[in-house]
Amino acid sequence: MGVIIFIWYLINPEKAFLYGAMTYLLISFSLRNLIPKDHRNGIKKNNSENFK
């Protein structure tokens, strides 16, 4: 999170913490929804032996 805030600090020092926190939340919610979906599909295919 520090790196994200630092990048925003270079762009806009006044609102770096706000934009950094919002960017972090956006990334974390996106990854939380996208990664488990693919993982569950892979586990289902592996258990049914339907993999390449």
PDB file of N, CA and C in Angstrom:
ATOM      1  N   MET A   1       0.828  -1.179   0.000  1.00  0.00           N
ATOM      2  CA  MET A   1       0.000   0.000   0.000  1.00  0.00           C
ATOM      3  C   MET A   1       0.875   1.246   0.000  1.00  0.00           C
ATOM      4  N   GLY A   2       2.021   1.145   0.643  1.00  0.00           N
ATOM      5  CA  GLY A   2       2.934   2.278   0.685  1.00  0.00           C
ATOM      6  C   GLY A   2       3.416   2.687  -0.694  1.00  0.00           C
ATOM      7  N   VAL A   3       3.644   1.697  -1.543  1.00  0.00           N
ATOM      8  CA  VAL A   3       4.101   1.994  -2.906  1.00  0.00           C
ATOM      9  C   VAL A   3       3.008   2.724  -3.682  1.00  0.00           C
ATOM     10  N   ILE A   4       1.776   2.290  -3.507  1.00  0.00           N
ATOM     11  CA  ILE A   4       0.660   2.948  -4.200  1.00  0.00           C
ATOM     12  C   ILE A   4       0.531   4.397  -3.737  1.00  0.00           C
ATOM     13  N   ILE A   5       0.624   4.613  -2.436  1.00  0.00           N
ATOM     14  CA  ILE A   5       0.532   5.979  -1.908  1.00  0.00           C
ATOM     15  C   ILE A   5       1.704   6.815  -2.403  1.00  0.00           C
ATOM     16  N   PHE A   6       2.893   6.224  -2.471  1.00  0.00           N
ATOM     17  CA  PHE A   6       4.061   6.963  -2.956  1.00  0.00           C
ATOM     18  C   PHE A   6       3.881   7.374  -4.414  1.00  0.00           C
ATOM     19  N   ILE A   7       3.347   6.479  -5.228  1.00  0.00           N
ATOM     20  CA  ILE A   7       3.113   6.814  -6.638  1.00  0.00           C
ATOM     21  C   ILE A   7       2.113   7.963  -6.747  1.00  0.00           C
ATOM     22  N   TRP A   8       1.046   7.897  -5.949  1.00  0.00           N
ATOM     23  CA  TRP A   8       0.077   8.995  -5.963  1.00  0.00           C
ATOM     24  C   TRP A   8       0.693  10.273  -5.401  1.00  0.00           C
ATOM     25  N   TYR A   9       1.627  10.149  -4.460  1.00  0.00           N
ATOM     26  CA  TYR A   9       2.298  11.329  -3.910  1.00  0.00           C
ATOM     27  C   TYR A   9       3.103  12.044  -4.988  1.00  0.00           C
ATOM     28  N   LEU A  10       3.709  11.269  -5.879  1.00  0.00           N
ATOM     29  CA  LEU A  10       4.462  11.873  -6.978  1.00  0.00           C
ATOM     30  C   LEU A  10       3.534  12.599  -7.954  1.00  0.00           C
ATOM     31  N   ILE A  11       2.326  12.083  -8.113  1.00  0.00           N
ATOM     32  CA  ILE A  11       1.372  12.679  -9.050  1.00  0.00           C
ATOM     33  C   ILE A  11       0.622  13.846  -8.418  1.00  0.00           C
ATOM     34  N   ASN A  12       0.093  13.630  -7.210  1.00  0.00           N
ATOM     35  CA  ASN A  12      -0.741  14.635  -6.550  1.00  0.00           C
ATOM     36  C   ASN A  12      -0.492  14.570  -5.041  1.00  0.00           C
ATOM     37  N   PRO A  13       0.473  15.333  -4.521  1.00  0.00           N
ATOM     38  CA  PRO A  13       0.846  15.225  -3.105  1.00  0.00           C
ATOM     39  C   PRO A  13      -0.270  15.566  -2.118  1.00  0.00           C
ATOM     40  N   GLU A  14      -1.206  16.421  -2.497  1.00  0.00           N
ATOM     41  CA  GLU A  14      -2.239  16.845  -1.556  1.00  0.00           C
ATOM     42  C   GLU A  14      -3.220  15.725  -1.221  1.00  0.00           C
ATOM     43  N   LYS A  15      -3.543  14.899  -2.193  1.00  0.00           N
ATOM     44  CA  LYS A  15      -4.548  13.852  -1.990  1.00  0.00           C
ATOM     45  C   LYS A  15      -3.969  12.455  -2.187  1.00  0.00           C
ATOM     46  N   ALA A  16      -2.690  12.303  -1.935  1.00  0.00           N
ATOM     47  CA  ALA A  16      -2.026  11.023  -2.175  1.00  0.00           C
ATOM     48  C   ALA A  16      -2.592   9.917  -1.299  1.00  0.00           C
ATOM     49  N   PHE A  17      -2.820  10.205  -0.018  1.00  0.00           N
ATOM     50  CA  PHE A  17      -3.316   9.159   0.879  1.00  0.00           C
ATOM     51  C   PHE A  17      -4.720   8.706   0.488  1.00  0.00           C
ATOM     52  N   LEU A  18      -5.577   9.648   0.138  1.00  0.00           N
ATOM     53  CA  LEU A  18      -6.944   9.311  -0.268  1.00  0.00           C
ATOM     54  C   LEU A  18      -6.947   8.474  -1.543  1.00  0.00           C
ATOM     55  N   TYR A  19      -6.238   8.925  -2.557  1.00  0.00           N
ATOM     56  CA  TYR A  19      -6.203   8.194  -3.823  1.00  0.00           C
ATOM     57  C   TYR A  19      -5.502   6.848  -3.666  1.00  0.00           C
ATOM     58  N   GLY A  20      -4.469   6.801  -2.853  1.00  0.00           N
ATOM     59  CA  GLY A  20      -3.770   5.544  -2.606  1.00  0.00           C
ATOM     60  C   GLY A  20      -4.668   4.522  -1.940  1.00  0.00           C
ATOM     61  N   ALA A  21      -5.430   4.962  -0.938  1.00  0.00           N
ATOM     62  CA  ALA A  21      -6.349   4.055  -0.247  1.00  0.00           C
ATOM     63  C   ALA A  21      -7.459   3.583  -1.181  1.00  0.00           C
ATOM     64  N   MET A  22      -7.981   4.483  -1.996  1.00  0.00           N
ATOM     65  CA  MET A  22      -9.038   4.097  -2.935  1.00  0.00           C
ATOM     66  C   MET A  22      -8.510   3.114  -3.982  1.00  0.00           C
ATOM     67  N   THR A  23      -7.300   3.345  -4.471  1.00  0.00           N
ATOM     68  CA  THR A  23      -6.701   2.434  -5.441  1.00  0.00           C
ATOM     69  C   THR A  23      -6.481   1.064  -4.822  1.00  0.00           C
ATOM     70  N   TYR A  24      -5.993   1.033  -3.583  1.00  0.00           N
ATOM     71  CA  TYR A  24      -5.763  -0.230  -2.889  1.00  0.00           C
ATOM     72  C   TYR A  24      -7.073  -1.001  -2.713  1.00  0.00           C
ATOM     73  N   LEU A  25      -8.133  -0.311  -2.313  1.00  0.00           N
ATOM     74  CA  LEU A  25      -9.426  -0.977  -2.151  1.00  0.00           C
ATOM     75  C   LEU A  25      -9.945  -1.521  -3.478  1.00  0.00           C
ATOM     76  N   LEU A  26      -9.798  -0.752  -4.537  1.00  0.00           N
ATOM     77  CA  LEU A  26     -10.241  -1.200  -5.853  1.00  0.00           C
ATOM     78  C   LEU A  26      -9.491  -2.461  -6.284  1.00  0.00           C
ATOM     79  N   ILE A  27      -8.177  -2.462  -6.103  1.00  0.00           N
ATOM     80  CA  ILE A  27      -7.376  -3.627  -6.476  1.00  0.00           C
ATOM     81  C   ILE A  27      -7.740  -4.832  -5.620  1.00  0.00           C
ATOM     82  N   SER A  28      -7.882  -4.620  -4.310  1.00  0.00           N
ATOM     83  CA  SER A  28      -8.158  -5.758  -3.427  1.00  0.00           C
ATOM     84  C   SER A  28      -9.531  -6.365  -3.692  1.00  0.00           C
ATOM     85  N   PHE A  29     -10.558  -5.540  -3.904  1.00  0.00           N
ATOM     86  CA  PHE A  29     -11.884  -6.086  -4.204  1.00  0.00           C
ATOM     87  C   PHE A  29     -11.895  -6.779  -5.565  1.00  0.00           C
ATOM     88  N   SER A  30     -11.196  -6.223  -6.537  1.00  0.00           N
ATOM     89  CA  SER A  30     -11.147  -6.846  -7.862  1.00  0.00           C
ATOM     90  C   SER A  30     -10.482  -8.210  -7.797  1.00  0.00           C
ATOM     91  N   LEU A  31      -9.346  -8.286  -7.126  1.00  0.00           N
ATOM     92  CA  LEU A  31      -8.643  -9.561  -7.027  1.00  0.00           C
ATOM     93  C   LEU A  31      -9.422 -10.569  -6.195  1.00  0.00           C
ATOM     94  N   ARG A  32     -10.109 -10.103  -5.182  1.00  0.00           N
ATOM     95  CA  ARG A  32     -10.892 -11.009  -4.335  1.00  0.00           C
ATOM     96  C   ARG A  32     -12.021 -11.652  -5.130  1.00  0.00           C
ATOM     97  N   ASN A  33     -12.553 -10.958  -6.111  1.00  0.00           N
ATOM     98  CA  ASN A  33     -13.652 -11.507  -6.906  1.00  0.00           C
ATOM     99  C   ASN A  33     -13.173 -12.290  -8.122  1.00  0.00           C
ATOM    100  N   LEU A  34     -12.048 -11.938  -8.699  1.00  0.00           N
ATOM    101  CA  LEU A  34     -11.602 -12.577  -9.930  1.00  0.00           C
ATOM    102  C   LEU A  34     -10.811 -13.856  -9.699  1.00  0.00           C
ATOM    103  N   ILE A  35      -9.884 -13.853  -8.774  1.00  0.00           N
ATOM    104  CA  ILE A  35      -8.999 -15.002  -8.586  1.00  0.00           C
ATOM    105  C   ILE A  35      -9.741 -16.231  -8.074  1.00  0.00           C
ATOM    106  N   PRO A  36     -10.578 -16.141  -7.045  1.00  0.00           N
ATOM    107  CA  PRO A  36     -11.249 -17.354  -6.572  1.00  0.00           C
ATOM    108  C   PRO A  36     -12.157 -17.998  -7.619  1.00  0.00           C
ATOM    109  N   LYS A  37     -12.729 -17.205  -8.507  1.00  0.00           N
ATOM    110  CA  LYS A  37     -13.604 -17.751  -9.547  1.00  0.00           C
ATOM    111  C   LYS A  37     -12.817 -18.694 -10.453  1.00  0.00           C
ATOM    112  N   ASP A  38     -11.673 -18.263 -10.929  1.00  0.00           N
ATOM    113  CA  ASP A  38     -10.845 -19.110 -11.782  1.00  0.00           C
ATOM    114  C   ASP A  38     -10.310 -20.307 -11.007  1.00  0.00           C
ATOM    115  N   HIS A  39      -9.973 -20.099  -9.759  1.00  0.00           N
ATOM    116  CA  HIS A  39      -9.447 -21.185  -8.936  1.00  0.00           C
ATOM    117  C   HIS A  39     -10.512 -22.260  -8.720  1.00  0.00           C
ATOM    118  N   ARG A  40     -11.736 -21.854  -8.429  1.00  0.00           N
ATOM    119  CA  ARG A  40     -12.819 -22.827  -8.234  1.00  0.00           C
ATOM    120  C   ARG A  40     -13.078 -23.620  -9.509  1.00  0.00           C
ATOM    121  N   ASN A  41     -13.051 -22.947 -10.654  1.00  0.00           N
ATOM    122  CA  ASN A  41     -13.246 -23.657 -11.924  1.00  0.00           C
ATOM    123  C   ASN A  41     -12.131 -24.666 -12.160  1.00  0.00           C
ATOM    124  N   GLY A  42     -10.912 -24.296 -11.839  1.00  0.00           N
ATOM    125  CA  GLY A  42      -9.793 -25.218 -12.000  1.00  0.00           C
ATOM    126  C   GLY A  42      -9.897 -26.414 -11.077  1.00  0.00           C
ATOM    127  N   ILE A  43     -10.313 -26.195  -9.843  1.00  0.00           N
ATOM    128  CA  ILE A  43     -10.472 -27.300  -8.895  1.00  0.00           C
ATOM    129  C   ILE A  43     -11.579 -28.241  -9.358  1.00  0.00           C
ATOM    130  N   LYS A  44     -12.693 -27.699  -9.857  1.00  0.00           N
ATOM    131  CA  LYS A  44     -13.782 -28.545 -10.360  1.00  0.00           C
ATOM    132  C   LYS A  44     -13.306 -29.406 -11.527  1.00  0.00           C
ATOM    133  N   LYS A  45     -12.573 -28.807 -12.460  1.00  0.00           N
ATOM    134  CA  LYS A  45     -12.077 -29.571 -13.608  1.00  0.00           C
ATOM    135  C   LYS A  45     -11.062 -30.617 -13.174  1.00  0.00           C
ATOM    136  N   ASN A  46     -10.245 -30.279 -12.204  1.00  0.00           N
ATOM    137  CA  ASN A  46      -9.251 -31.229 -11.721  1.00  0.00           C
ATOM    138  C   ASN A  46      -9.923 -32.410 -11.022  1.00  0.00           C
ATOM    139  N   ASN A  47     -10.924 -32.144 -10.218  1.00  0.00           N
ATOM    140  CA  ASN A  47     -11.608 -33.217  -9.499  1.00  0.00           C
ATOM    141  C   ASN A  47     -12.410 -34.117 -10.437  1.00  0.00           C
ATOM    142  N   SER A  48     -12.937 -33.561 -11.516  1.00  0.00           N
ATOM    143  CA  SER A  48     -13.685 -34.371 -12.476  1.00  0.00           C
ATOM    144  C   SER A  48     -12.768 -34.935 -13.559  1.00  0.00           C
ATOM    145  N   GLU A  49     -11.478 -34.709 -13.430  1.00  0.00           N
ATOM    146  CA  GLU A  49     -10.452 -35.156 -14.384  1.00  0.00           C
ATOM    147  C   GLU A  49     -10.760 -34.662 -15.791  1.00  0.00           C
ATOM    148  N   ASN A  50     -11.253 -33.439 -15.875  1.00  0.00           N
ATOM    149  CA  ASN A  50     -11.568 -32.808 -17.154  1.00  0.00           C
ATOM    150  C   ASN A  50     -10.561 -31.689 -17.405  1.00  0.00           C
ATOM    151  N   PHE A  51      -9.301 -32.046 -17.480  1.00  0.00           N
ATOM    152  CA  PHE A  51      -8.250 -31.054 -17.672  1.00  0.00           C
ATOM    153  C   PHE A  51      -7.365 -31.475 -18.834  1.00  0.00           C
ATOM    154  N   LYS A  52      -6.599 -30.540 -19.326  1.00  0.00           N
ATOM    155  CA  LYS A  52      -5.724 -30.817 -20.474  1.00  0.00           C
ATOM    156  C   LYS A  52      -4.320 -31.100 -20.008  1.00  0.00           C
TER     157      LYS A  52
END
